[in-house]
Amino acid sequence: MAKPKIIFFDIDGTLVPLKEGIRPRTVEALQKLRQNGIKLCIATGRAPMEVPKFEGVTFDAFLTYNGSYCFTPERDVFKNLIPKADIALLRRNAEALGRPMALATKDRLAANGSDPDLAEYFAIGGVELVIADDFDAMAQGEIFQVLMSGREAEYPAILKDVENAKIAAWWDRAVDIIPASGGKGIAVEKVLEFYGIDKSDSMAFGDGNNDIEMFRAVGTGVAMANASARLQAAATAHCRDVKEDGIYWYCVENGLI
């Protein structure tokens, strides 16, 4: 296999098992990939301040909020916001469903209430759910993503009358709501363009349905063994479970490290 010039990694269920710590072999794989001159990028639904630290690993770029806010350590690469009119509609719809919601800005993640599903959703990422006392003011700022508890049957009600936002879900009891033109796919395209790297020289690892667009935007999409059925079908390659050091063994077996 030709070595990729750049690799994009989802976090939860891909680099890190859900509700578990970072595995040493995954860190070793990341360190060796970078030593071999391959650019490393995070591509996650998480907020910038929620990205875990991998000891001895430097990432070249971060695609956060499912690609709505992309940056390098030095500069912003791409910003994609949810219009204020749609934020107002999403608040109305959430209230009608009796669901709290959280807003994601460049440097804050805060909610107007909590319920067991939303609290657990935050806990998966190791983040405490903060209730904002200035939620109305927050809603008037730059919003990259909305987080809400909700099941698939509620998706139409969540998005009622909303024109410029869509759902990107990787868990069955909560959703990330992102700009309609957003998603990891468009973000990967922007980052490849930023670095002048061809799609054929790029690779991605993922496990959730919100990684499908990312797989379409890269040359090689590698699905974890624990990935959703839809992502498995969209993948061009497969590796072992995240709990079995899937990324490490894929890189060894394919001569990347």
C-alpha atoms as a PDB file:
ATOM      1  CA  MET A   1       0.000   0.000   0.000  1.00  0.00           C
ATOM      2  CA  ALA A   2       1.232   3.495  -0.852  1.00  0.00           C
ATOM      3  CA  LYS A   3       1.736   5.535   2.305  1.00  0.00           C
ATOM      4  CA  PRO A   4      -0.864   8.288   2.736  1.00  0.00           C
ATOM      5  CA  LYS A   5       0.364  11.844   3.216  1.00  0.00           C
ATOM      6  CA  ILE A   6      -2.386  12.636   5.716  1.00  0.00           C
ATOM      7  CA  ILE A   7      -4.681  10.612   8.011  1.00  0.00           C
ATOM      8  CA  PHE A   8      -7.890  11.796   9.701  1.00  0.00           C
ATOM      9  CA  PHE A   9      -8.965  10.155  12.961  1.00  0.00           C
ATOM     10  CA  ASP A  10     -12.326  10.157  14.701  1.00  0.00           C
ATOM     11  CA  ILE A  11     -11.926  10.060  18.498  1.00  0.00           C
ATOM     12  CA  ASP A  12     -14.728   8.218  20.326  1.00  0.00           C
ATOM     13  CA  GLY A  13     -14.862   4.548  19.380  1.00  0.00           C
ATOM     14  CA  THR A  14     -11.880   4.994  17.032  1.00  0.00           C
ATOM     15  CA  LEU A  15      -8.829   6.451  18.804  1.00  0.00           C
ATOM     16  CA  VAL A  16     -10.328   5.925  22.250  1.00  0.00           C
ATOM     17  CA  PRO A  17     -12.830   3.242  23.391  1.00  0.00           C
ATOM     18  CA  LEU A  18     -16.089   4.764  24.657  1.00  0.00           C
ATOM     19  CA  LYS A  19     -15.836   5.641  28.362  1.00  0.00           C
ATOM     20  CA  GLU A  20     -12.271   4.273  28.533  1.00  0.00           C
ATOM     21  CA  GLY A  21      -8.783   5.717  28.475  1.00  0.00           C
ATOM     22  CA  ILE A  22      -6.339   6.071  25.598  1.00  0.00           C
ATOM     23  CA  ARG A  23      -4.576   2.796  24.773  1.00  0.00           C
ATOM     24  CA  PRO A  24      -0.734   2.814  24.733  1.00  0.00           C
ATOM     25  CA  ARG A  25      -0.459   1.050  21.350  1.00  0.00           C
ATOM     26  CA  THR A  26      -2.692   3.678  19.741  1.00  0.00           C
ATOM     27  CA  VAL A  27      -0.361   6.405  21.042  1.00  0.00           C
ATOM     28  CA  GLU A  28       2.627   4.429  19.733  1.00  0.00           C
ATOM     29  CA  ALA A  29       1.000   4.161  16.293  1.00  0.00           C
ATOM     30  CA  LEU A  30       0.346   7.915  16.177  1.00  0.00           C
ATOM     31  CA  GLN A  31       3.915   8.721  17.201  1.00  0.00           C
ATOM     32  CA  LYS A  32       5.386   6.412  14.543  1.00  0.00           C
ATOM     33  CA  LEU A  33       3.063   7.656  11.792  1.00  0.00           C
ATOM     34  CA  ARG A  34       4.205  11.218  12.446  1.00  0.00           C
ATOM     35  CA  GLN A  35       7.857  10.152  12.571  1.00  0.00           C
ATOM     36  CA  ASN A  36       7.265   8.679   9.107  1.00  0.00           C
ATOM     37  CA  GLY A  37       6.209  12.113   7.817  1.00  0.00           C
ATOM     38  CA  ILE A  38       2.453  11.544   7.731  1.00  0.00           C
ATOM     39  CA  LYS A  39       0.252  14.467   8.770  1.00  0.00           C
ATOM     40  CA  LEU A  40      -2.205  13.606  11.582  1.00  0.00           C
ATOM     41  CA  CYS A  41      -5.620  15.237  11.923  1.00  0.00           C
ATOM     42  CA  ILE A  42      -8.390  14.878  14.486  1.00  0.00           C
ATOM     43  CA  ALA A  43     -11.913  14.717  12.971  1.00  0.00           C
ATOM     44  CA  THR A  44     -14.497  14.677  15.742  1.00  0.00           C
ATOM     45  CA  GLY A  45     -17.926  15.756  16.864  1.00  0.00           C
ATOM     46  CA  ARG A  46     -16.277  17.017  20.056  1.00  0.00           C
ATOM     47  CA  ALA A  47     -15.563  20.632  20.926  1.00  0.00           C
ATOM     48  CA  PRO A  48     -11.976  21.956  20.592  1.00  0.00           C
ATOM     49  CA  MET A  49     -11.623  22.040  24.387  1.00  0.00           C
ATOM     50  CA  GLU A  50     -12.768  18.399  24.653  1.00  0.00           C
ATOM     51  CA  VAL A  51     -10.043  16.880  22.471  1.00  0.00           C
ATOM     52  CA  PRO A  52      -7.950  14.558  24.686  1.00  0.00           C
ATOM     53  CA  LYS A  53      -4.173  14.885  24.869  1.00  0.00           C
ATOM     54  CA  PHE A  54      -2.136  12.017  23.412  1.00  0.00           C
ATOM     55  CA  GLU A  55       1.253  11.991  25.123  1.00  0.00           C
ATOM     56  CA  GLY A  56       4.102  12.775  22.744  1.00  0.00           C
ATOM     57  CA  VAL A  57       1.750  13.253  19.778  1.00  0.00           C
ATOM     58  CA  THR A  58       1.331  16.512  17.872  1.00  0.00           C
ATOM     59  CA  PHE A  59      -1.645  16.839  15.526  1.00  0.00           C
ATOM     60  CA  ASP A  60      -1.364  18.999  12.427  1.00  0.00           C
ATOM     61  CA  ALA A  61      -5.038  19.984  12.242  1.00  0.00           C
ATOM     62  CA  PHE A  62      -8.254  19.657  14.201  1.00  0.00           C
ATOM     63  CA  LEU A  63     -11.688  19.203  12.580  1.00  0.00           C
ATOM     64  CA  THR A  64     -14.039  19.779  15.513  1.00  0.00           C
ATOM     65  CA  TYR A  65     -17.832  20.024  15.868  1.00  0.00           C
ATOM     66  CA  ASN A  66     -18.179  17.453  13.023  1.00  0.00           C
ATOM     67  CA  GLY A  67     -16.105  19.708  10.787  1.00  0.00           C
ATOM     68  CA  SER A  68     -17.854  22.997  11.516  1.00  0.00           C
ATOM     69  CA  TYR A  69     -14.698  24.491  13.059  1.00  0.00           C
ATOM     70  CA  CYS A  70     -11.335  23.447  11.590  1.00  0.00           C
ATOM     71  CA  PHE A  71      -7.982  24.857  12.623  1.00  0.00           C
ATOM     72  CA  THR A  72      -4.275  24.202  12.928  1.00  0.00           C
ATOM     73  CA  PRO A  73      -2.325  25.183  16.059  1.00  0.00           C
ATOM     74  CA  GLU A  74      -1.434  28.403  14.198  1.00  0.00           C
ATOM     75  CA  ARG A  75      -4.619  29.499  12.389  1.00  0.00           C
ATOM     76  CA  ASP A  76      -8.264  28.887  11.531  1.00  0.00           C
ATOM     77  CA  VAL A  77      -8.838  26.891   8.329  1.00  0.00           C
ATOM     78  CA  PHE A  78     -12.636  26.704   8.028  1.00  0.00           C
ATOM     79  CA  LYS A  79     -15.675  27.979   9.982  1.00  0.00           C
ATOM     80  CA  ASN A  80     -19.271  26.941   9.296  1.00  0.00           C
ATOM     81  CA  LEU A  81     -22.027  28.434  11.482  1.00  0.00           C
ATOM     82  CA  ILE A  82     -25.692  27.594  12.114  1.00  0.00           C
ATOM     83  CA  PRO A  83     -27.800  30.700  11.275  1.00  0.00           C
ATOM     84  CA  LYS A  84     -29.406  32.453  14.258  1.00  0.00           C
ATOM     85  CA  ALA A  85     -32.911  31.952  12.782  1.00  0.00           C
ATOM     86  CA  ASP A  86     -32.375  28.192  12.846  1.00  0.00           C
ATOM     87  CA  ILE A  87     -31.017  28.315  16.402  1.00  0.00           C
ATOM     88  CA  ALA A  88     -34.313  29.983  17.420  1.00  0.00           C
ATOM     89  CA  LEU A  89     -36.324  27.267  15.631  1.00  0.00           C
ATOM     90  CA  LEU A  90     -34.265  24.491  17.217  1.00  0.00           C
ATOM     91  CA  ARG A  91     -34.883  26.016  20.660  1.00  0.00           C
ATOM     92  CA  ARG A  92     -38.627  26.101  19.951  1.00  0.00           C
ATOM     93  CA  ASN A  93     -38.599  22.478  18.768  1.00  0.00           C
ATOM     94  CA  ALA A  94     -36.560  21.309  21.754  1.00  0.00           C
ATOM     95  CA  GLU A  95     -38.998  22.991  24.135  1.00  0.00           C
ATOM     96  CA  ALA A  96     -41.951  21.346  22.365  1.00  0.00           C
ATOM     97  CA  LEU A  97     -40.279  17.956  22.880  1.00  0.00           C
ATOM     98  CA  GLY A  98     -39.371  18.761  26.489  1.00  0.00           C
ATOM     99  CA  ARG A  99     -35.693  18.328  25.654  1.00  0.00           C
ATOM    100  CA  PRO A 100     -32.809  20.482  26.920  1.00  0.00           C
ATOM    101  CA  MET A 101     -30.164  21.582  24.455  1.00  0.00           C
ATOM    102  CA  ALA A 102     -26.548  22.678  24.540  1.00  0.00           C
ATOM    103  CA  LEU A 103     -24.857  25.269  22.330  1.00  0.00           C
ATOM    104  CA  ALA A 104     -21.284  24.994  21.092  1.00  0.00           C
ATOM    105  CA  THR A 105     -19.285  28.163  20.464  1.00  0.00           C
ATOM    106  CA  LYS A 106     -15.588  28.504  19.659  1.00  0.00           C
ATOM    107  CA  ASP A 107     -14.631  28.272  23.329  1.00  0.00           C
ATOM    108  CA  ARG A 108     -17.786  27.316  25.261  1.00  0.00           C
ATOM    109  CA  LEU A 109     -20.174  24.407  25.529  1.00  0.00           C
ATOM    110  CA  ALA A 110     -23.183  25.051  27.758  1.00  0.00           C
ATOM    111  CA  ALA A 111     -26.841  24.032  28.049  1.00  0.00           C
ATOM    112  CA  ASN A 112     -30.188  25.426  29.162  1.00  0.00           C
ATOM    113  CA  GLY A 113     -30.992  22.325  31.214  1.00  0.00           C
ATOM    114  CA  SER A 114     -30.251  18.620  31.542  1.00  0.00           C
ATOM    115  CA  ASP A 115     -31.802  15.186  31.324  1.00  0.00           C
ATOM    116  CA  PRO A 116     -30.258  11.703  31.800  1.00  0.00           C
ATOM    117  CA  ASP A 117     -29.529  11.180  28.088  1.00  0.00           C
ATOM    118  CA  LEU A 118     -27.831  14.551  27.561  1.00  0.00           C
ATOM    119  CA  ALA A 119     -25.803  14.169  30.766  1.00  0.00           C
ATOM    120  CA  GLU A 120     -24.637  10.688  29.678  1.00  0.00           C
ATOM    121  CA  TYR A 121     -23.828  12.012  26.187  1.00  0.00           C
ATOM    122  CA  PHE A 122     -21.463  14.556  27.733  1.00  0.00           C
ATOM    123  CA  ALA A 123     -20.050  11.935  30.097  1.00  0.00           C
ATOM    124  CA  ILE A 124     -19.054   9.706  27.143  1.00  0.00           C
ATOM    125  CA  GLY A 125     -16.657  12.473  26.131  1.00  0.00           C
ATOM    126  CA  GLY A 126     -15.546  12.939  29.751  1.00  0.00           C
ATOM    127  CA  VAL A 127     -17.144  16.379  29.889  1.00  0.00           C
ATOM    128  CA  GLU A 128     -19.319  17.845  32.638  1.00  0.00           C
ATOM    129  CA  LEU A 129     -22.608  19.295  31.426  1.00  0.00           C
ATOM    130  CA  VAL A 130     -22.564  23.003  32.313  1.00  0.00           C
ATOM    131  CA  ILE A 131     -25.818  24.967  32.618  1.00  0.00           C
ATOM    132  CA  ALA A 132     -25.437  28.510  31.262  1.00  0.00           C
ATOM    133  CA  ASP A 133     -26.983  31.444  33.136  1.00  0.00           C
ATOM    134  CA  ASP A 134     -26.555  33.525  29.969  1.00  0.00           C
ATOM    135  CA  PHE A 135     -28.016  31.021  27.477  1.00  0.00           C
ATOM    136  CA  ASP A 136     -30.054  33.688  25.638  1.00  0.00           C
ATOM    137  CA  ALA A 137     -26.916  35.756  25.050  1.00  0.00           C
ATOM    138  CA  MET A 138     -24.964  32.662  23.979  1.00  0.00           C
ATOM    139  CA  ALA A 139     -27.640  31.905  21.373  1.00  0.00           C
ATOM    140  CA  GLN A 140     -26.939  35.267  19.727  1.00  0.00           C
ATOM    141  CA  GLY A 141     -23.259  34.446  19.171  1.00  0.00           C
ATOM    142  CA  GLU A 142     -21.424  32.221  16.688  1.00  0.00           C
ATOM    143  CA  ILE A 143     -22.871  28.705  17.075  1.00  0.00           C
ATOM    144  CA  PHE A 144     -21.047  25.828  15.405  1.00  0.00           C
ATOM    145  CA  GLN A 145     -23.148  22.981  16.774  1.00  0.00           C
ATOM    146  CA  VAL A 146     -26.194  22.163  18.892  1.00  0.00           C
ATOM    147  CA  LEU A 147     -26.300  19.081  21.121  1.00  0.00           C
ATOM    148  CA  MET A 148     -29.609  17.526  22.197  1.00  0.00           C
ATOM    149  CA  SER A 149     -30.879  14.314  23.655  1.00  0.00           C
ATOM    150  CA  GLY A 150     -33.229  12.572  21.245  1.00  0.00           C
ATOM    151  CA  ARG A 151     -34.056   9.289  19.516  1.00  0.00           C
ATOM    152  CA  GLU A 152     -34.286   8.654  15.774  1.00  0.00           C
ATOM    153  CA  ALA A 153     -38.099   8.790  15.873  1.00  0.00           C
ATOM    154  CA  GLU A 154     -37.814  12.395  17.116  1.00  0.00           C
ATOM    155  CA  TYR A 155     -35.516  13.628  14.323  1.00  0.00           C
ATOM    156  CA  PRO A 156     -38.345  15.109  12.181  1.00  0.00           C
ATOM    157  CA  ALA A 157     -39.711  17.018  15.204  1.00  0.00           C
ATOM    158  CA  ILE A 158     -36.225  18.236  16.166  1.00  0.00           C
ATOM    159  CA  LEU A 159     -35.684  19.668  12.676  1.00  0.00           C
ATOM    160  CA  LYS A 160     -39.238  20.972  12.091  1.00  0.00           C
ATOM    161  CA  ASP A 161     -39.070  24.130   9.875  1.00  0.00           C
ATOM    162  CA  VAL A 162     -35.267  24.185  10.158  1.00  0.00           C
ATOM    163  CA  GLU A 163     -33.686  24.853   6.741  1.00  0.00           C
ATOM    164  CA  ASN A 164     -29.978  25.327   7.302  1.00  0.00           C
ATOM    165  CA  ALA A 165     -29.050  22.637   9.825  1.00  0.00           C
ATOM    166  CA  LYS A 166     -28.976  18.837   9.867  1.00  0.00           C
ATOM    167  CA  ILE A 167     -28.423  15.972  12.297  1.00  0.00           C
ATOM    168  CA  ALA A 168     -25.077  14.159  12.553  1.00  0.00           C
ATOM    169  CA  ALA A 169     -25.600  11.313  15.018  1.00  0.00           C
ATOM    170  CA  TRP A 170     -23.149   8.743  16.356  1.00  0.00           C
ATOM    171  CA  TRP A 171     -25.176   7.624  19.427  1.00  0.00           C
ATOM    172  CA  ASP A 172     -28.792   6.427  19.549  1.00  0.00           C
ATOM    173  CA  ARG A 173     -29.949   8.664  22.411  1.00  0.00           C
ATOM    174  CA  ALA A 174     -28.601  12.090  21.442  1.00  0.00           C
ATOM    175  CA  VAL A 175     -27.748  14.152  18.380  1.00  0.00           C
ATOM    176  CA  ASP A 176     -25.249  16.695  17.141  1.00  0.00           C
ATOM    177  CA  ILE A 177     -26.945  19.315  14.971  1.00  0.00           C
ATOM    178  CA  ILE A 178     -24.603  20.959  12.467  1.00  0.00           C
ATOM    179  CA  PRO A 179     -24.909  23.369   9.520  1.00  0.00           C
ATOM    180  CA  ALA A 180     -26.749  21.830   6.558  1.00  0.00           C
ATOM    181  CA  SER A 181     -23.672  22.357   4.414  1.00  0.00           C
ATOM    182  CA  GLY A 182     -21.445  20.947   7.159  1.00  0.00           C
ATOM    183  CA  GLY A 183     -20.109  17.547   8.100  1.00  0.00           C
ATOM    184  CA  LYS A 184     -16.719  15.903   8.262  1.00  0.00           C
ATOM    185  CA  GLY A 185     -16.657  15.401   4.474  1.00  0.00           C
ATOM    186  CA  ILE A 186     -16.600  19.078   3.487  1.00  0.00           C
ATOM    187  CA  ALA A 187     -14.139  19.769   6.311  1.00  0.00           C
ATOM    188  CA  VAL A 188     -11.750  17.078   5.046  1.00  0.00           C
ATOM    189  CA  GLU A 189     -11.964  18.627   1.554  1.00  0.00           C
ATOM    190  CA  LYS A 190     -11.091  22.067   2.995  1.00  0.00           C
ATOM    191  CA  VAL A 191      -8.104  20.678   4.916  1.00  0.00           C
ATOM    192  CA  LEU A 192      -6.805  18.723   1.900  1.00  0.00           C
ATOM    193  CA  GLU A 193      -7.083  21.928  -0.131  1.00  0.00           C
ATOM    194  CA  PHE A 194      -5.273  23.871   2.623  1.00  0.00           C
ATOM    195  CA  TYR A 195      -2.316  21.461   2.517  1.00  0.00           C
ATOM    196  CA  GLY A 196      -2.420  20.886  -1.260  1.00  0.00           C
ATOM    197  CA  ILE A 197      -2.844  17.132  -0.789  1.00  0.00           C
ATOM    198  CA  ASP A 198      -4.786  14.988  -3.274  1.00  0.00           C
ATOM    199  CA  LYS A 199      -7.739  12.901  -2.091  1.00  0.00           C
ATOM    200  CA  SER A 200      -5.930   9.738  -3.250  1.00  0.00           C
ATOM    201  CA  ASP A 201      -3.134  10.452  -0.745  1.00  0.00           C
ATOM    202  CA  SER A 202      -5.497  10.666   2.235  1.00  0.00           C
ATOM    203  CA  MET A 203      -6.885   8.123   4.709  1.00  0.00           C
ATOM    204  CA  ALA A 204      -9.399   8.168   7.570  1.00  0.00           C
ATOM    205  CA  PHE A 205     -10.304   5.918  10.497  1.00  0.00           C
ATOM    206  CA  GLY A 206     -13.833   5.993  11.968  1.00  0.00           C
ATOM    207  CA  ASP A 207     -16.638   4.059  13.621  1.00  0.00           C
ATOM    208  CA  GLY A 208     -19.877   6.109  13.432  1.00  0.00           C
ATOM    209  CA  ASN A 209     -22.470   7.183  10.877  1.00  0.00           C
ATOM    210  CA  ASN A 210     -21.108  10.745  11.131  1.00  0.00           C
ATOM    211  CA  ASP A 211     -17.909   9.381   9.542  1.00  0.00           C
ATOM    212  CA  ILE A 212     -19.596   8.279   6.279  1.00  0.00           C
ATOM    213  CA  GLU A 213     -19.091  11.657   4.568  1.00  0.00           C
ATOM    214  CA  MET A 214     -15.466  11.686   5.715  1.00  0.00           C
ATOM    215  CA  PHE A 215     -14.879   8.270   4.104  1.00  0.00           C
ATOM    216  CA  ARG A 216     -16.270   9.591   0.809  1.00  0.00           C
ATOM    217  CA  ALA A 217     -13.819  12.515   0.948  1.00  0.00           C
ATOM    218  CA  VAL A 218     -10.645  10.424   1.381  1.00  0.00           C
ATOM    219  CA  GLY A 219      -8.822   7.842  -0.724  1.00  0.00           C
ATOM    220  CA  THR A 220      -9.032   5.109   1.909  1.00  0.00           C
ATOM    221  CA  GLY A 221     -11.699   4.891   4.624  1.00  0.00           C
ATOM    222  CA  VAL A 222     -10.873   2.353   7.334  1.00  0.00           C
ATOM    223  CA  ALA A 223     -13.779   1.182   9.527  1.00  0.00           C
ATOM    224  CA  MET A 224     -13.134  -0.149  13.012  1.00  0.00           C
ATOM    225  CA  ALA A 225     -14.539  -3.645  13.722  1.00  0.00           C
ATOM    226  CA  ASN A 226     -16.839  -1.935  16.257  1.00  0.00           C
ATOM    227  CA  ALA A 227     -18.147   0.501  13.593  1.00  0.00           C
ATOM    228  CA  SER A 228     -21.811   0.900  12.622  1.00  0.00           C
ATOM    229  CA  ALA A 229     -23.140  -1.330   9.829  1.00  0.00           C
ATOM    230  CA  ARG A 230     -23.595   1.703   7.565  1.00  0.00           C
ATOM    231  CA  LEU A 231     -19.986   2.805   7.987  1.00  0.00           C
ATOM    232  CA  GLN A 232     -18.714  -0.753   7.488  1.00  0.00           C
ATOM    233  CA  ALA A 233     -20.556  -0.750   4.144  1.00  0.00           C
ATOM    234  CA  ALA A 234     -19.071   2.643   3.152  1.00  0.00           C
ATOM    235  CA  ALA A 235     -15.499   1.644   4.051  1.00  0.00           C
ATOM    236  CA  THR A 236     -12.771   0.649   1.608  1.00  0.00           C
ATOM    237  CA  ALA A 237     -10.813  -1.151   4.350  1.00  0.00           C
ATOM    238  CA  HIS A 238     -11.418  -2.598   7.823  1.00  0.00           C
ATOM    239  CA  CYS A 239      -9.384  -3.077  10.985  1.00  0.00           C
ATOM    240  CA  ARG A 240      -9.734  -4.664  14.413  1.00  0.00           C
ATOM    241  CA  ASP A 241     -11.860  -3.312  17.259  1.00  0.00           C
ATOM    242  CA  VAL A 242     -10.698  -0.143  19.021  1.00  0.00           C
ATOM    243  CA  LYS A 243     -10.309  -2.264  22.189  1.00  0.00           C
ATOM    244  CA  GLU A 244      -7.969  -4.570  20.246  1.00  0.00           C
ATOM    245  CA  ASP A 245      -5.687  -1.731  19.071  1.00  0.00           C
ATOM    246  CA  GLY A 246      -7.223  -1.749  15.591  1.00  0.00           C
ATOM    247  CA  ILE A 247      -5.369   1.331  14.313  1.00  0.00           C
ATOM    248  CA  TYR A 248      -1.987   0.047  15.514  1.00  0.00           C
ATOM    249  CA  TRP A 249      -2.382  -3.371  13.893  1.00  0.00           C
ATOM    250  CA  TYR A 250      -3.735  -1.926  10.638  1.00  0.00           C
ATOM    251  CA  CYS A 251      -0.701   0.357  10.388  1.00  0.00           C
ATOM    252  CA  VAL A 252       1.709  -2.513  11.136  1.00  0.00           C
ATOM    253  CA  GLU A 253       0.031  -4.945   8.732  1.00  0.00           C
ATOM    254  CA  ASN A 254       0.000  -2.362   5.917  1.00  0.00           C
ATOM    255  CA  GLY A 255       3.553  -1.129   6.379  1.00  0.00           C
ATOM    256  CA  LEU A 256       2.590   2.368   7.567  1.00  0.00           C
ATOM    257  CA  ILE A 257       4.731   2.032  10.707  1.00  0.00           C
END
